Amino acid sequence: MFRSFLVILIFAVSIYSSCKKRSSCNQNNYNFQTNITASPGGDSIQLQDTLWFVIDDSVQLRDMNTNTLINFSNAVNLSFVFGIRQVMSGTSVLPAADSFHYYIKKGVNIASLDPSRLREYMLQEENGKYKLQVGFIPQSKGIFRVLVENSANVYTHDIPCDKASFAIKFINADQHFYLGYNISGEGVYYFKVY
């Protein structure tokens, strides 16, 4: 009897404490824009040249919902997935992540769920900025499309309840949509390797 009472008491205390933890978490949801550049900016590069994708954004980010500046430093899981395809025709693309070597100056490579199509990189925080600098070095010729996917459910060490989404946008770069056929958008970049 005493043992049953003790089990019920421990169960009740654990439920109460977990509920209390959840109720003290006031979650804010933010929507930020992250700018990315590609250089060199031309529509073509030579075999074995390097195409650099660079992010260099402040940790002070403007929430697109409220237009408020938010300090979102110490992000735990801020990363972007790069989907890489070779464009064969208006209706045909092939996985092409293995058609490149990669050189990372800033950021961290994360193991991909589909390495033939995807590469994922976590940004590093340095001097009040989130940074990524990764070079794509082509090993084969053709027309390629890089789709940088938005990042969601990002949280910080300081306030783990708050979540943020990061919408990617190419700036200071022509995205060369005329080389592609069926996909365009702010996170898409086309180029030719000759």
Protein backbone atom coordinates (compact mmCIF):
# COMPACT_ATOMS: atom_id res chain seq x y z
CA MET A 1 0.00 0.00 0.00
CA PHE A 2 2.76 2.43 0.97
CA ARG A 3 4.62 1.55 -2.25
CA SER A 4 1.56 2.35 -4.40
CA PHE A 5 1.11 5.66 -2.59
CA LEU A 6 4.77 6.53 -3.16
CA VAL A 7 4.55 5.74 -6.90
CA ILE A 8 1.42 7.91 -7.24
CA LEU A 9 3.07 10.75 -5.30
CA ILE A 10 6.20 10.67 -7.50
CA PHE A 11 4.02 10.59 -10.63
CA ALA A 12 1.95 13.58 -9.44
CA VAL A 13 5.04 15.63 -8.54
CA SER A 14 6.67 14.94 -11.91
CA ILE A 15 3.52 15.98 -13.83
CA TYR A 16 3.15 19.13 -11.73
CA SER A 17 6.78 20.13 -12.21
CA SER A 18 6.70 19.51 -15.99
CA CYS A 19 3.47 21.54 -16.32
CA LYS A 20 4.99 24.33 -14.29
CA LYS A 21 8.01 24.43 -16.59
CA ARG A 22 5.81 24.69 -19.68
CA SER A 23 3.63 27.44 -18.27
CA SER A 24 6.64 29.63 -17.49
CA CYS A 25 7.72 29.61 -21.13
CA ASN A 26 6.32 32.65 -22.96
CA GLN A 27 7.15 31.91 -26.57
CA ASN A 28 7.76 34.65 -29.12
CA ASN A 29 7.80 33.78 -32.82
CA TYR A 30 10.00 35.90 -35.06
CA ASN A 31 10.43 36.11 -38.82
CA PHE A 32 13.77 37.42 -40.03
CA GLN A 33 15.35 37.86 -43.45
CA THR A 34 18.89 36.64 -44.02
CA ASN A 35 20.86 38.06 -46.92
CA ILE A 36 23.20 35.91 -48.99
CA THR A 37 25.55 36.84 -51.82
CA ALA A 38 27.18 34.80 -54.55
CA SER A 39 30.51 35.78 -56.06
CA PRO A 40 31.84 36.13 -58.62
CA GLY A 41 28.53 37.47 -59.83
CA GLY A 42 28.68 36.38 -63.47
CA ASP A 43 26.47 33.65 -64.86
CA SER A 44 29.46 31.38 -65.67
CA ILE A 45 32.55 30.03 -63.98
CA GLN A 46 35.27 27.75 -65.24
CA LEU A 47 35.74 24.19 -64.12
CA GLN A 48 37.75 24.15 -60.85
CA ASP A 49 37.02 27.85 -60.12
CA THR A 50 35.26 28.73 -56.85
CA LEU A 51 31.77 30.16 -56.46
CA TRP A 52 31.42 31.69 -52.99
CA PHE A 53 28.16 31.85 -51.05
CA VAL A 54 28.44 34.34 -48.19
CA ILE A 55 26.18 35.34 -45.30
CA ASP A 56 27.32 38.19 -43.04
CA ASP A 57 24.32 39.37 -40.99
CA SER A 58 24.10 41.11 -37.64
CA VAL A 59 22.66 39.24 -34.65
CA GLN A 60 20.46 42.35 -34.27
CA LEU A 61 17.70 41.34 -36.67
CA ARG A 62 14.51 43.11 -37.75
CA ASP A 63 11.37 41.05 -37.16
CA MET A 64 9.37 41.20 -40.41
CA ASN A 65 6.07 40.95 -38.50
CA THR A 66 6.54 43.88 -36.11
CA ASN A 67 9.44 45.82 -37.70
CA THR A 68 11.15 45.63 -34.29
CA LEU A 69 14.89 45.12 -33.91
CA ILE A 70 15.55 41.91 -31.94
CA ASN A 71 18.82 40.70 -30.43
CA PHE A 72 18.84 37.05 -31.53
CA SER A 73 22.41 36.20 -30.53
CA ASN A 74 23.60 32.77 -29.40
CA ALA A 75 21.46 30.80 -31.85
CA VAL A 76 21.79 27.08 -31.27
CA ASN A 77 20.62 25.67 -34.59
CA LEU A 78 20.83 28.37 -37.27
CA SER A 79 21.64 26.52 -40.47
CA PHE A 80 20.72 26.55 -44.15
CA VAL A 81 20.28 23.65 -46.54
CA PHE A 82 21.64 24.04 -50.08
CA GLY A 83 19.79 21.90 -52.62
CA ILE A 84 22.05 21.42 -55.65
CA ARG A 85 20.77 20.19 -59.01
CA GLN A 86 22.10 20.04 -62.56
CA VAL A 87 19.54 21.42 -65.02
CA MET A 88 19.14 19.05 -67.95
CA SER A 89 16.01 20.53 -69.58
CA GLY A 90 12.82 22.41 -68.77
CA THR A 91 11.46 19.38 -66.95
CA SER A 92 14.54 17.47 -65.91
CA VAL A 93 17.12 18.02 -63.16
CA LEU A 94 19.62 15.63 -61.64
CA PRO A 95 21.12 15.48 -58.15
CA ALA A 96 24.41 17.36 -58.31
CA ALA A 97 25.83 17.92 -54.82
CA ASP A 98 28.55 15.40 -55.60
CA SER A 99 29.56 17.46 -58.66
CA PHE A 100 31.38 19.93 -56.38
CA HIS A 101 34.12 20.06 -53.82
CA TYR A 102 33.43 22.41 -50.92
CA TYR A 103 35.68 24.77 -49.02
CA ILE A 104 34.34 26.24 -45.78
CA LYS A 105 35.98 29.44 -44.48
CA LYS A 106 33.20 30.33 -42.01
CA GLY A 107 30.52 28.00 -40.69
CA VAL A 108 30.21 24.28 -40.03
CA ASN A 109 29.22 21.45 -42.36
CA ILE A 110 26.34 19.32 -41.01
CA ALA A 111 25.83 15.76 -42.21
CA SER A 112 23.12 15.69 -44.88
CA LEU A 113 20.18 13.31 -45.02
CA ASP A 114 20.62 13.14 -48.81
CA PRO A 115 24.28 13.87 -49.72
CA SER A 116 23.71 13.41 -53.46
CA ARG A 117 21.35 16.45 -53.44
CA LEU A 118 21.95 18.49 -50.29
CA ARG A 119 24.58 20.21 -48.22
CA GLU A 120 23.77 21.86 -44.89
CA TYR A 121 25.85 24.51 -43.15
CA MET A 122 25.50 25.97 -39.67
CA LEU A 123 26.36 29.65 -39.34
CA GLN A 124 28.96 30.75 -36.84
CA GLU A 125 28.58 33.78 -34.62
CA GLU A 126 31.53 36.14 -34.65
CA ASN A 127 31.80 39.77 -33.49
CA GLY A 128 28.03 40.30 -33.31
CA LYS A 129 27.36 38.72 -36.72
CA TYR A 130 26.16 35.42 -38.10
CA LYS A 131 28.60 34.29 -40.78
CA LEU A 132 28.84 31.66 -43.46
CA GLN A 133 31.40 31.53 -46.23
CA VAL A 134 31.43 28.39 -48.32
CA GLY A 135 33.06 27.86 -51.70
CA PHE A 136 31.59 25.52 -54.32
CA ILE A 137 34.32 24.17 -56.62
CA PRO A 138 32.77 22.50 -59.71
CA GLN A 139 34.13 19.17 -60.88
CA SER A 140 31.89 18.87 -63.96
CA LYS A 141 30.43 21.12 -66.65
CA GLY A 142 26.77 22.06 -67.05
CA ILE A 143 24.04 24.38 -65.83
CA PHE A 144 23.40 24.18 -62.09
CA ARG A 145 20.73 25.42 -59.71
CA VAL A 146 21.32 26.06 -56.02
CA LEU A 147 18.19 26.42 -53.89
CA VAL A 148 18.98 27.74 -50.41
CA GLU A 149 16.11 26.74 -48.15
CA ASN A 150 14.74 28.92 -45.37
CA SER A 151 15.61 28.00 -41.78
CA ALA A 152 12.82 27.38 -39.25
CA ASN A 153 12.41 26.74 -35.51
CA VAL A 154 15.71 28.42 -34.68
CA TYR A 155 16.21 29.12 -30.98
CA THR A 156 18.91 30.63 -28.75
CA HIS A 157 20.77 29.44 -25.66
CA ASP A 158 19.48 32.47 -23.76
CA ILE A 159 15.76 32.17 -24.54
CA PRO A 160 15.05 28.64 -25.81
CA CYS A 161 11.28 29.22 -25.82
CA ASP A 162 11.51 31.90 -28.52
CA LYS A 163 11.56 30.55 -32.07
CA ALA A 164 12.56 32.23 -35.32
CA SER A 165 12.27 31.57 -39.01
CA PHE A 166 14.92 32.92 -41.36
CA ALA A 167 13.90 33.68 -44.96
CA ILE A 168 16.89 33.66 -47.31
CA LYS A 169 17.31 36.34 -49.98
CA PHE A 170 20.06 36.81 -52.53
CA ILE A 171 21.28 40.41 -52.58
CA ASN A 172 23.81 42.17 -54.82
CA ALA A 173 23.59 39.23 -57.19
CA ASP A 174 21.84 38.50 -60.46
CA GLN A 175 20.26 35.10 -59.91
CA HIS A 176 20.41 34.24 -63.65
CA PHE A 177 16.88 32.88 -63.90
CA TYR A 178 17.25 32.78 -67.70
CA LEU A 179 19.54 29.75 -67.23
CA GLY A 180 16.80 27.86 -65.42
CA TYR A 181 13.44 26.68 -66.48
CA ASN A 182 10.94 26.05 -63.75
CA ILE A 183 12.02 27.41 -60.38
CA SER A 184 12.70 30.97 -59.33
CA GLY A 185 12.57 32.78 -56.00
CA GLU A 186 14.64 34.73 -53.53
CA GLY A 187 16.73 31.72 -52.48
CA VAL A 188 17.50 30.36 -55.96
CA TYR A 189 20.75 30.85 -57.87
CA TYR A 190 21.62 29.53 -61.36
CA PHE A 191 25.07 29.37 -62.96
CA LYS A 192 26.90 27.64 -65.77
CA VAL A 193 30.20 25.78 -65.53
CA TYR A 194 32.32 25.60 -68.70
